[in-house]
């Protein structure tokens, strides 16, 4: 997107509504988990590796734990980490983008080079290195997800903010004595909020996939706390004898990520006239 115009006359397409519906179901299930499911750690040794049935729709694992219960509770962990990291990544990316647009010069150059460096380093490699040194507790996991996803918000917001800062009404405000903070608050932030909403959904989707990958590698949330990536890894050993152990948490990751992507594309169509990719905007 090369101009400051947002296509606010468009509507969210069917894909966006499908994504919103998927996320509504997933979020409702995870929020209500304590009331609609049992204890995810409860073991029943008499029903080890039971296939999906009416009593246990997702089957049971090698410790007799109900996989539907564990999948729903695993979503609480995955969504909490993903949403928190997406919020922080959006704040970081927005702050650097607005600083670059307002100050220009070396501030814009340094923020741009930081983004280039981050894009040059695979996020999974960065996460493995960081977590190997500081441990894989909640805080460090959120940190590596933020470091791996802030560039999307930065690139989406940066181009639009730089276009807005060159508009005549912004120049008039500057001549009238408005400072950088006032310009940012009155003109830049309201203008980029729709783009920020788009970037947030895509950041959350990326963070969810990265968090699940870390869990699969054993660097995410540790047992016995349920986590989708960790559950897929645990079911890998029984993939031919009890495929449901890995299938359902893996499906949860795919469906939730798809919902976020569809909602993000729908918002992009609504506000920008085209889909937003991780490298920038259409």
C-alpha atoms as a PDB file:
ATOM      1  CA  UNK A   1       0.000   0.000   0.000  1.00  0.00           C
ATOM      2  CA  UNK A   2       1.602   3.250  -1.113  1.00  0.00           C
ATOM      3  CA  UNK A   3      -0.973   5.868  -0.133  1.00  0.00           C
ATOM      4  CA  UNK A   4      -2.568   6.933   3.094  1.00  0.00           C
ATOM      5  CA  UNK A   5      -6.036   5.867   1.914  1.00  0.00           C
ATOM      6  CA  UNK A   6      -7.739   2.935   3.595  1.00  0.00           C
ATOM      7  CA  UNK A   7     -10.580   1.208   1.790  1.00  0.00           C
ATOM      8  CA  UNK A   8     -13.134   1.530   4.568  1.00  0.00           C
ATOM      9  CA  UNK A   9     -16.081   1.170   2.218  1.00  0.00           C
ATOM     10  CA  UNK A  10     -15.411  -2.524   1.682  1.00  0.00           C
ATOM     11  CA  UNK A  11     -16.919  -5.292   3.753  1.00  0.00           C
ATOM     12  CA  UNK A  12     -15.377  -8.350   5.357  1.00  0.00           C
ATOM     13  CA  UNK A  13     -15.694 -11.277   2.952  1.00  0.00           C
ATOM     14  CA  UNK A  14     -17.095 -14.708   3.680  1.00  0.00           C
ATOM     15  CA  UNK A  15     -13.604 -15.960   4.557  1.00  0.00           C
ATOM     16  CA  UNK A  16     -13.293 -13.338   7.271  1.00  0.00           C
ATOM     17  CA  UNK A  17     -16.629 -14.323   8.772  1.00  0.00           C
ATOM     18  CA  UNK A  18     -15.645 -17.991   8.688  1.00  0.00           C
ATOM     19  CA  UNK A  19     -12.411 -17.126  10.493  1.00  0.00           C
ATOM     20  CA  UNK A  20     -14.322 -15.099  13.088  1.00  0.00           C
ATOM     21  CA  UNK A  21     -16.704 -18.039  13.619  1.00  0.00           C
ATOM     22  CA  UNK A  22     -13.842 -20.493  14.090  1.00  0.00           C
ATOM     23  CA  UNK A  23     -12.141 -18.237  16.605  1.00  0.00           C
ATOM     24  CA  UNK A  24     -15.382 -17.657  18.499  1.00  0.00           C
ATOM     25  CA  UNK A  25     -15.821 -21.405  18.988  1.00  0.00           C
ATOM     26  CA  UNK A  26     -12.170 -21.965  19.952  1.00  0.00           C
ATOM     27  CA  UNK A  27     -12.019 -19.045  22.383  1.00  0.00           C
ATOM     28  CA  UNK A  28     -15.373 -19.944  23.963  1.00  0.00           C
ATOM     29  CA  UNK A  29     -14.267 -23.548  24.472  1.00  0.00           C
ATOM     30  CA  UNK A  30     -10.962 -22.571  26.065  1.00  0.00           C
ATOM     31  CA  UNK A  31     -12.456 -19.871  28.288  1.00  0.00           C
ATOM     32  CA  UNK A  32     -15.203 -22.215  29.508  1.00  0.00           C
ATOM     33  CA  UNK A  33     -12.853 -25.200  29.832  1.00  0.00           C
ATOM     34  CA  UNK A  34     -13.019 -25.436  33.657  1.00  0.00           C
ATOM     35  CA  UNK A  35     -16.819 -25.660  33.488  1.00  0.00           C
ATOM     36  CA  UNK A  36     -17.336 -27.889  30.417  1.00  0.00           C
ATOM     37  CA  UNK A  37     -14.481 -30.370  30.859  1.00  0.00           C
ATOM     38  CA  UNK A  38     -12.784 -32.291  33.633  1.00  0.00           C
ATOM     39  CA  UNK A  39      -9.238 -32.295  34.962  1.00  0.00           C
ATOM     40  CA  UNK A  40      -6.705 -32.578  32.084  1.00  0.00           C
ATOM     41  CA  UNK A  41      -4.260 -34.360  34.410  1.00  0.00           C
ATOM     42  CA  UNK A  42      -6.704 -36.993  35.637  1.00  0.00           C
ATOM     43  CA  UNK A  43      -5.570 -40.511  34.717  1.00  0.00           C
ATOM     44  CA  UNK A  44      -7.713 -43.628  34.182  1.00  0.00           C
ATOM     45  CA  UNK A  45      -5.432 -46.624  33.828  1.00  0.00           C
ATOM     46  CA  UNK A  46      -8.321 -48.881  32.810  1.00  0.00           C
ATOM     47  CA  UNK A  47      -8.831 -47.008  29.509  1.00  0.00           C
ATOM     48  CA  UNK A  48      -5.291 -46.585  28.175  1.00  0.00           C
ATOM     49  CA  UNK A  49      -5.054 -45.730  24.464  1.00  0.00           C
ATOM     50  CA  UNK A  50      -8.793 -45.985  23.942  1.00  0.00           C
ATOM     51  CA  UNK A  51      -9.930 -45.019  20.443  1.00  0.00           C
ATOM     52  CA  UNK A  52     -12.437 -42.157  19.994  1.00  0.00           C
ATOM     53  CA  UNK A  53     -15.855 -43.131  21.329  1.00  0.00           C
ATOM     54  CA  UNK A  54     -19.046 -41.574  22.646  1.00  0.00           C
ATOM     55  CA  UNK A  55     -17.551 -41.396  26.130  1.00  0.00           C
ATOM     56  CA  UNK A  56     -14.218 -40.003  24.903  1.00  0.00           C
ATOM     57  CA  UNK A  57     -14.753 -38.263  21.516  1.00  0.00           C
ATOM     58  CA  UNK A  58     -11.006 -37.676  20.999  1.00  0.00           C
ATOM     59  CA  UNK A  59      -9.940 -40.954  22.624  1.00  0.00           C
ATOM     60  CA  UNK A  60      -7.453 -41.309  25.478  1.00  0.00           C
ATOM     61  CA  UNK A  61      -3.655 -41.252  25.661  1.00  0.00           C
ATOM     62  CA  UNK A  62      -1.137 -43.735  27.070  1.00  0.00           C
ATOM     63  CA  UNK A  63      -1.942 -42.600  30.631  1.00  0.00           C
ATOM     64  CA  UNK A  64      -5.680 -42.854  30.212  1.00  0.00           C
ATOM     65  CA  UNK A  65      -6.222 -39.093  30.091  1.00  0.00           C
ATOM     66  CA  UNK A  66      -9.152 -37.770  28.055  1.00  0.00           C
ATOM     67  CA  UNK A  67      -7.771 -36.102  24.926  1.00  0.00           C
ATOM     68  CA  UNK A  68     -10.768 -33.828  24.380  1.00  0.00           C
ATOM     69  CA  UNK A  69     -10.217 -32.365  27.833  1.00  0.00           C
ATOM     70  CA  UNK A  70      -6.471 -32.017  27.267  1.00  0.00           C
ATOM     71  CA  UNK A  71      -6.950 -30.473  23.826  1.00  0.00           C
ATOM     72  CA  UNK A  72      -9.337 -27.835  25.145  1.00  0.00           C
ATOM     73  CA  UNK A  73      -7.094 -27.016  28.115  1.00  0.00           C
ATOM     74  CA  UNK A  74      -4.063 -27.018  25.817  1.00  0.00           C
ATOM     75  CA  UNK A  75      -5.807 -24.271  23.857  1.00  0.00           C
ATOM     76  CA  UNK A  76      -5.854 -22.097  26.971  1.00  0.00           C
ATOM     77  CA  UNK A  77      -2.076 -22.293  27.144  1.00  0.00           C
ATOM     78  CA  UNK A  78      -1.511 -21.788  23.414  1.00  0.00           C
ATOM     79  CA  UNK A  79      -3.938 -18.887  23.047  1.00  0.00           C
ATOM     80  CA  UNK A  80      -2.730 -17.101  26.185  1.00  0.00           C
ATOM     81  CA  UNK A  81       0.877 -17.183  25.027  1.00  0.00           C
ATOM     82  CA  UNK A  82       0.018 -16.339  21.413  1.00  0.00           C
ATOM     83  CA  UNK A  83      -2.294 -13.425  22.215  1.00  0.00           C
ATOM     84  CA  UNK A  84       0.074 -11.930  24.803  1.00  0.00           C
ATOM     85  CA  UNK A  85       3.032 -12.146  22.424  1.00  0.00           C
ATOM     86  CA  UNK A  86       0.930 -10.705  19.569  1.00  0.00           C
ATOM     87  CA  UNK A  87      -0.067  -7.739  21.741  1.00  0.00           C
ATOM     88  CA  UNK A  88       3.543  -7.040  22.748  1.00  0.00           C
ATOM     89  CA  UNK A  89       4.803  -7.554  19.188  1.00  0.00           C
ATOM     90  CA  UNK A  90       2.169  -5.121  17.902  1.00  0.00           C
ATOM     91  CA  UNK A  91       3.156  -2.514  20.501  1.00  0.00           C
ATOM     92  CA  UNK A  92       6.857  -2.906  19.690  1.00  0.00           C
ATOM     93  CA  UNK A  93       6.348  -2.814  15.932  1.00  0.00           C
ATOM     94  CA  UNK A  94       3.982   0.171  16.179  1.00  0.00           C
ATOM     95  CA  UNK A  95       6.364   2.106  18.429  1.00  0.00           C
ATOM     96  CA  UNK A  96       9.365   1.628  16.144  1.00  0.00           C
ATOM     97  CA  UNK A  97       7.342   2.401  13.012  1.00  0.00           C
ATOM     98  CA  UNK A  98       5.888   5.607  14.438  1.00  0.00           C
ATOM     99  CA  UNK A  99       9.280   6.695  15.793  1.00  0.00           C
ATOM    100  CA  UNK A 100      10.819   6.201  12.367  1.00  0.00           C
ATOM    101  CA  UNK A 101       8.035   8.132  10.637  1.00  0.00           C
ATOM    102  CA  UNK A 102       8.098  11.017  13.129  1.00  0.00           C
ATOM    103  CA  UNK A 103      11.853  11.459  13.514  1.00  0.00           C
ATOM    104  CA  UNK A 104      13.112  10.091  10.202  1.00  0.00           C
ATOM    105  CA  UNK A 105      16.865  10.120   9.599  1.00  0.00           C
ATOM    106  CA  UNK A 106      18.964   7.784  11.699  1.00  0.00           C
ATOM    107  CA  UNK A 107      15.979   6.685  13.825  1.00  0.00           C
ATOM    108  CA  UNK A 108      14.162   5.376  10.756  1.00  0.00           C
ATOM    109  CA  UNK A 109      17.365   3.866   9.373  1.00  0.00           C
ATOM    110  CA  UNK A 110      18.195   1.974  12.579  1.00  0.00           C
ATOM    111  CA  UNK A 111      14.653   0.616  12.998  1.00  0.00           C
ATOM    112  CA  UNK A 112      14.687  -0.509   9.373  1.00  0.00           C
ATOM    113  CA  UNK A 113      18.021  -2.295   9.806  1.00  0.00           C
ATOM    114  CA  UNK A 114      16.749  -4.013  12.958  1.00  0.00           C
ATOM    115  CA  UNK A 115      13.829  -5.332  10.944  1.00  0.00           C
ATOM    116  CA  UNK A 116      16.173  -6.566   8.210  1.00  0.00           C
ATOM    117  CA  UNK A 117      18.344  -8.361  10.763  1.00  0.00           C
ATOM    118  CA  UNK A 118      15.338 -10.054  12.335  1.00  0.00           C
ATOM    119  CA  UNK A 119      14.081 -11.221   8.944  1.00  0.00           C
ATOM    120  CA  UNK A 120      17.528 -12.634   8.136  1.00  0.00           C
ATOM    121  CA  UNK A 121      17.508 -14.870  11.239  1.00  0.00           C
ATOM    122  CA  UNK A 122      14.959 -17.736  11.204  1.00  0.00           C
ATOM    123  CA  UNK A 123      12.641 -17.273  14.162  1.00  0.00           C
ATOM    124  CA  UNK A 124      12.820 -20.923  15.198  1.00  0.00           C
ATOM    125  CA  UNK A 125      16.625 -20.755  15.334  1.00  0.00           C
ATOM    126  CA  UNK A 126      16.498 -17.565  17.394  1.00  0.00           C
ATOM    127  CA  UNK A 127      13.990 -19.186  19.746  1.00  0.00           C
ATOM    128  CA  UNK A 128      16.090 -22.307  20.220  1.00  0.00           C
ATOM    129  CA  UNK A 129      19.210 -20.253  21.015  1.00  0.00           C
ATOM    130  CA  UNK A 130      17.450 -17.916  23.461  1.00  0.00           C
ATOM    131  CA  UNK A 131      15.513 -20.643  25.281  1.00  0.00           C
ATOM    132  CA  UNK A 132      18.631 -22.791  25.562  1.00  0.00           C
ATOM    133  CA  UNK A 133      20.269 -20.048  27.624  1.00  0.00           C
ATOM    134  CA  UNK A 134      17.402 -18.586  29.652  1.00  0.00           C
ATOM    135  CA  UNK A 135      15.094 -21.598  30.016  1.00  0.00           C
ATOM    136  CA  UNK A 136      11.645 -22.269  28.652  1.00  0.00           C
ATOM    137  CA  UNK A 137       9.342 -20.741  31.235  1.00  0.00           C
ATOM    138  CA  UNK A 138       6.351 -18.559  30.309  1.00  0.00           C
ATOM    139  CA  UNK A 139       8.230 -15.251  30.134  1.00  0.00           C
ATOM    140  CA  UNK A 140      11.107 -16.362  27.868  1.00  0.00           C
ATOM    141  CA  UNK A 141       8.673 -18.127  25.517  1.00  0.00           C
ATOM    142  CA  UNK A 142       6.645 -14.925  25.121  1.00  0.00           C
ATOM    143  CA  UNK A 143       9.893 -12.980  24.604  1.00  0.00           C
ATOM    144  CA  UNK A 144      11.087 -15.154  21.711  1.00  0.00           C
ATOM    145  CA  UNK A 145       7.643 -15.030  20.099  1.00  0.00           C
ATOM    146  CA  UNK A 146       7.688 -11.231  20.276  1.00  0.00           C
ATOM    147  CA  UNK A 147      11.183 -11.101  18.774  1.00  0.00           C
ATOM    148  CA  UNK A 148      10.037 -13.394  15.987  1.00  0.00           C
ATOM    149  CA  UNK A 149       6.875 -11.519  15.004  1.00  0.00           C
ATOM    150  CA  UNK A 150       7.185  -7.752  15.592  1.00  0.00           C
ATOM    151  CA  UNK A 151       8.496  -7.063  12.092  1.00  0.00           C
ATOM    152  CA  UNK A 152       5.104  -7.727  10.489  1.00  0.00           C
ATOM    153  CA  UNK A 153       3.479  -4.877  12.425  1.00  0.00           C
ATOM    154  CA  UNK A 154       6.502  -2.670  11.823  1.00  0.00           C
ATOM    155  CA  UNK A 155       6.436  -3.100   8.048  1.00  0.00           C
ATOM    156  CA  UNK A 156       2.660  -2.810   7.736  1.00  0.00           C
ATOM    157  CA  UNK A 157       2.516   0.379   9.816  1.00  0.00           C
ATOM    158  CA  UNK A 158       5.766   1.973   8.661  1.00  0.00           C
ATOM    159  CA  UNK A 159       4.822   2.528   5.034  1.00  0.00           C
ATOM    160  CA  UNK A 160       1.408   3.927   5.902  1.00  0.00           C
ATOM    161  CA  UNK A 161       2.759   6.190   8.653  1.00  0.00           C
ATOM    162  CA  UNK A 162       5.416   7.611   6.342  1.00  0.00           C
ATOM    163  CA  UNK A 163       2.731   8.368   3.740  1.00  0.00           C
ATOM    164  CA  UNK A 164       0.519  10.090   6.334  1.00  0.00           C
ATOM    165  CA  UNK A 165       3.369  12.203   7.714  1.00  0.00           C
ATOM    166  CA  UNK A 166       3.823  13.726   4.244  1.00  0.00           C
ATOM    167  CA  UNK A 167       0.180  14.822   3.930  1.00  0.00           C
ATOM    168  CA  UNK A 168      -0.618  18.516   3.857  1.00  0.00           C
ATOM    169  CA  UNK A 169      -2.881  18.436   6.904  1.00  0.00           C
ATOM    170  CA  UNK A 170      -0.027  16.983   8.979  1.00  0.00           C
ATOM    171  CA  UNK A 171       2.315  19.673   7.702  1.00  0.00           C
ATOM    172  CA  UNK A 172      -0.321  22.281   8.592  1.00  0.00           C
ATOM    173  CA  UNK A 173      -0.547  20.873  12.105  1.00  0.00           C
ATOM    174  CA  UNK A 174       3.232  21.038  12.412  1.00  0.00           C
ATOM    175  CA  UNK A 175       3.285  24.666  11.227  1.00  0.00           C
ATOM    176  CA  UNK A 176       0.539  25.461  13.738  1.00  0.00           C
ATOM    177  CA  UNK A 177       2.864  24.294  16.504  1.00  0.00           C
ATOM    178  CA  UNK A 178       1.799  20.702  17.072  1.00  0.00           C
ATOM    179  CA  UNK A 179       4.616  18.571  18.456  1.00  0.00           C
ATOM    180  CA  UNK A 180       5.524  15.038  17.451  1.00  0.00           C
ATOM    181  CA  UNK A 181       3.477  13.528  20.262  1.00  0.00           C
ATOM    182  CA  UNK A 182       0.379  15.492  19.251  1.00  0.00           C
ATOM    183  CA  UNK A 183       0.794  14.535  15.587  1.00  0.00           C
ATOM    184  CA  UNK A 184       1.199  10.897  16.508  1.00  0.00           C
ATOM    185  CA  UNK A 185      -1.845  10.908  18.790  1.00  0.00           C
ATOM    186  CA  UNK A 186      -4.190  12.922  16.552  1.00  0.00           C
ATOM    187  CA  UNK A 187      -3.163  11.785  13.089  1.00  0.00           C
ATOM    188  CA  UNK A 188      -0.879   8.762  12.913  1.00  0.00           C
ATOM    189  CA  UNK A 189      -2.350   6.396  15.501  1.00  0.00           C
ATOM    190  CA  UNK A 190      -6.015   6.770  14.388  1.00  0.00           C
ATOM    191  CA  UNK A 191      -4.892   6.255  10.796  1.00  0.00           C
ATOM    192  CA  UNK A 192      -2.950   3.045  11.435  1.00  0.00           C
ATOM    193  CA  UNK A 193      -5.379   1.384  13.871  1.00  0.00           C
ATOM    194  CA  UNK A 194      -7.157  -0.614  11.119  1.00  0.00           C
ATOM    195  CA  UNK A 195      -3.798  -1.888   9.855  1.00  0.00           C
ATOM    196  CA  UNK A 196      -2.805  -2.697  13.415  1.00  0.00           C
ATOM    197  CA  UNK A 197      -5.887  -4.905  13.776  1.00  0.00           C
ATOM    198  CA  UNK A 198      -4.905  -6.807  10.628  1.00  0.00           C
ATOM    199  CA  UNK A 199      -1.314  -7.213  11.766  1.00  0.00           C
ATOM    200  CA  UNK A 200      -2.442  -8.401  15.199  1.00  0.00           C
ATOM    201  CA  UNK A 201      -4.382 -11.364  13.796  1.00  0.00           C
ATOM    202  CA  UNK A 202      -1.459 -12.400  11.608  1.00  0.00           C
ATOM    203  CA  UNK A 203       1.000 -11.965  14.497  1.00  0.00           C
ATOM    204  CA  UNK A 204      -1.200 -14.176  16.671  1.00  0.00           C
ATOM    205  CA  UNK A 205      -1.339 -16.843  13.952  1.00  0.00           C
ATOM    206  CA  UNK A 206       2.424 -16.793  13.494  1.00  0.00           C
ATOM    207  CA  UNK A 207       3.001 -16.866  17.258  1.00  0.00           C
ATOM    208  CA  UNK A 208       0.650 -19.839  17.608  1.00  0.00           C
ATOM    209  CA  UNK A 209       2.540 -21.820  14.968  1.00  0.00           C
ATOM    210  CA  UNK A 210       5.915 -20.933  16.481  1.00  0.00           C
ATOM    211  CA  UNK A 211       4.731 -21.741  20.007  1.00  0.00           C
ATOM    212  CA  UNK A 212       3.426 -25.105  18.818  1.00  0.00           C
ATOM    213  CA  UNK A 213       6.719 -25.794  17.066  1.00  0.00           C
ATOM    214  CA  UNK A 214       8.627 -25.037  20.258  1.00  0.00           C
ATOM    215  CA  UNK A 215       6.304 -27.343  22.188  1.00  0.00           C
ATOM    216  CA  UNK A 216       6.889 -30.088  19.635  1.00  0.00           C
ATOM    217  CA  UNK A 217      10.654 -29.681  20.064  1.00  0.00           C
ATOM    218  CA  UNK A 218      10.344 -29.831  23.858  1.00  0.00           C
ATOM    219  CA  UNK A 219      11.179 -26.143  24.315  1.00  0.00           C
ATOM    220  CA  UNK A 220       7.665 -24.928  25.076  1.00  0.00           C
ATOM    221  CA  UNK A 221       5.352 -25.500  28.012  1.00  0.00           C
ATOM    222  CA  UNK A 222       6.508 -28.562  29.917  1.00  0.00           C
ATOM    223  CA  UNK A 223       4.469 -31.645  30.950  1.00  0.00           C
ATOM    224  CA  UNK A 224       2.138 -32.363  32.570  1.00  0.00           C
ATOM    225  CA  UNK A 225       0.610 -29.011  31.577  1.00  0.00           C
ATOM    226  CA  UNK A 226      -1.204 -29.698  28.264  1.00  0.00           C
ATOM    227  CA  UNK A 227       0.045 -27.892  25.176  1.00  0.00           C
ATOM    228  CA  UNK A 228      -0.853 -28.621  21.563  1.00  0.00           C
ATOM    229  CA  UNK A 229       2.696 -28.907  20.224  1.00  0.00           C
ATOM    230  CA  UNK A 230       3.809 -30.997  23.157  1.00  0.00           C
ATOM    231  CA  UNK A 231       0.784 -33.302  22.712  1.00  0.00           C
ATOM    232  CA  UNK A 232       1.604 -33.839  19.031  1.00  0.00           C
ATOM    233  CA  UNK A 233       5.158 -34.785  19.967  1.00  0.00           C
ATOM    234  CA  UNK A 234       3.913 -37.163  22.679  1.00  0.00           C
ATOM    235  CA  UNK A 235       1.643 -38.901  20.180  1.00  0.00           C
ATOM    236  CA  UNK A 236       4.358 -39.353  17.575  1.00  0.00           C
ATOM    237  CA  UNK A 237       5.547 -42.632  19.125  1.00  0.00           C
ATOM    238  CA  UNK A 238       2.033 -44.088  18.742  1.00  0.00           C
ATOM    239  CA  UNK A 239       1.278 -42.544  15.355  1.00  0.00           C
ATOM    240  CA  UNK A 240       0.511 -45.936  13.767  1.00  0.00           C
ATOM    241  CA  UNK A 241      -1.179 -47.595  16.740  1.00  0.00           C
ATOM    242  CA  UNK A 242      -3.017 -44.610  18.254  1.00  0.00           C
ATOM    243  CA  UNK A 243      -2.978 -41.800  15.662  1.00  0.00           C
ATOM    244  CA  UNK A 244      -5.697 -39.828  17.464  1.00  0.00           C
ATOM    245  CA  UNK A 245      -3.213 -38.768  20.156  1.00  0.00           C
ATOM    246  CA  UNK A 246      -1.328 -36.545  17.709  1.00  0.00           C
ATOM    247  CA  UNK A 247      -4.146 -35.914  15.233  1.00  0.00           C
ATOM    248  CA  UNK A 248      -6.582 -33.897  17.349  1.00  0.00           C
ATOM    249  CA  UNK A 249      -4.135 -31.407  18.937  1.00  0.00           C
ATOM    250  CA  UNK A 250      -2.486 -31.016  15.533  1.00  0.00           C
ATOM    251  CA  UNK A 251      -5.898 -30.347  14.004  1.00  0.00           C
ATOM    252  CA  UNK A 252      -6.564 -27.757  16.714  1.00  0.00           C
ATOM    253  CA  UNK A 253      -3.382 -25.897  15.745  1.00  0.00           C
ATOM    254  CA  UNK A 254      -4.285 -25.946  12.053  1.00  0.00           C
ATOM    255  CA  UNK A 255      -7.907 -24.875  12.560  1.00  0.00           C
ATOM    256  CA  UNK A 256      -7.061 -22.050  14.982  1.00  0.00           C
ATOM    257  CA  UNK A 257      -4.251 -20.753  12.787  1.00  0.00           C
ATOM    258  CA  UNK A 258      -6.562 -20.936   9.763  1.00  0.00           C
ATOM    259  CA  UNK A 259      -9.205 -18.970  11.639  1.00  0.00           C
ATOM    260  CA  UNK A 260      -6.707 -16.226  12.458  1.00  0.00           C
ATOM    261  CA  UNK A 261      -5.424 -16.118   8.893  1.00  0.00           C
ATOM    262  CA  UNK A 262      -8.940 -15.939   7.428  1.00  0.00           C
ATOM    263  CA  UNK A 263      -9.924 -13.175   9.835  1.00  0.00           C
ATOM    264  CA  UNK A 264      -6.717 -11.297   9.040  1.00  0.00           C
ATOM    265  CA  UNK A 265      -7.340 -11.563   5.298  1.00  0.00           C
ATOM    266  CA  UNK A 266     -10.932 -10.457   5.801  1.00  0.00           C
ATOM    267  CA  UNK A 267      -9.833  -7.396   7.756  1.00  0.00           C
ATOM    268  CA  UNK A 268      -7.190  -6.665   5.132  1.00  0.00           C
ATOM    269  CA  UNK A 269      -9.829  -6.743   2.392  1.00  0.00           C
ATOM    270  CA  UNK A 270     -12.016  -4.484   4.521  1.00  0.00           C
ATOM    271  CA  UNK A 271      -9.400  -1.872   5.346  1.00  0.00           C
ATOM    272  CA  UNK A 272      -6.670  -2.057   2.697  1.00  0.00           C
ATOM    273  CA  UNK A 273      -8.263  -3.602  -0.353  1.00  0.00           C
ATOM    274  CA  UNK A 274      -5.960  -6.646  -0.353  1.00  0.00           C
ATOM    275  CA  UNK A 275      -4.363  -9.334   1.817  1.00  0.00           C
ATOM    276  CA  UNK A 276      -1.459  -8.534   4.097  1.00  0.00           C
ATOM    277  CA  UNK A 277       1.559 -10.828   4.033  1.00  0.00           C
ATOM    278  CA  UNK A 278       4.293 -11.225   6.600  1.00  0.00           C
ATOM    279  CA  UNK A 279       6.701  -9.231   4.430  1.00  0.00           C
ATOM    280  CA  UNK A 280       4.450  -6.215   4.038  1.00  0.00           C
ATOM    281  CA  UNK A 281       1.243  -5.088   2.404  1.00  0.00           C
ATOM    282  CA  UNK A 282      -0.266  -5.430  -0.983  1.00  0.00           C
END
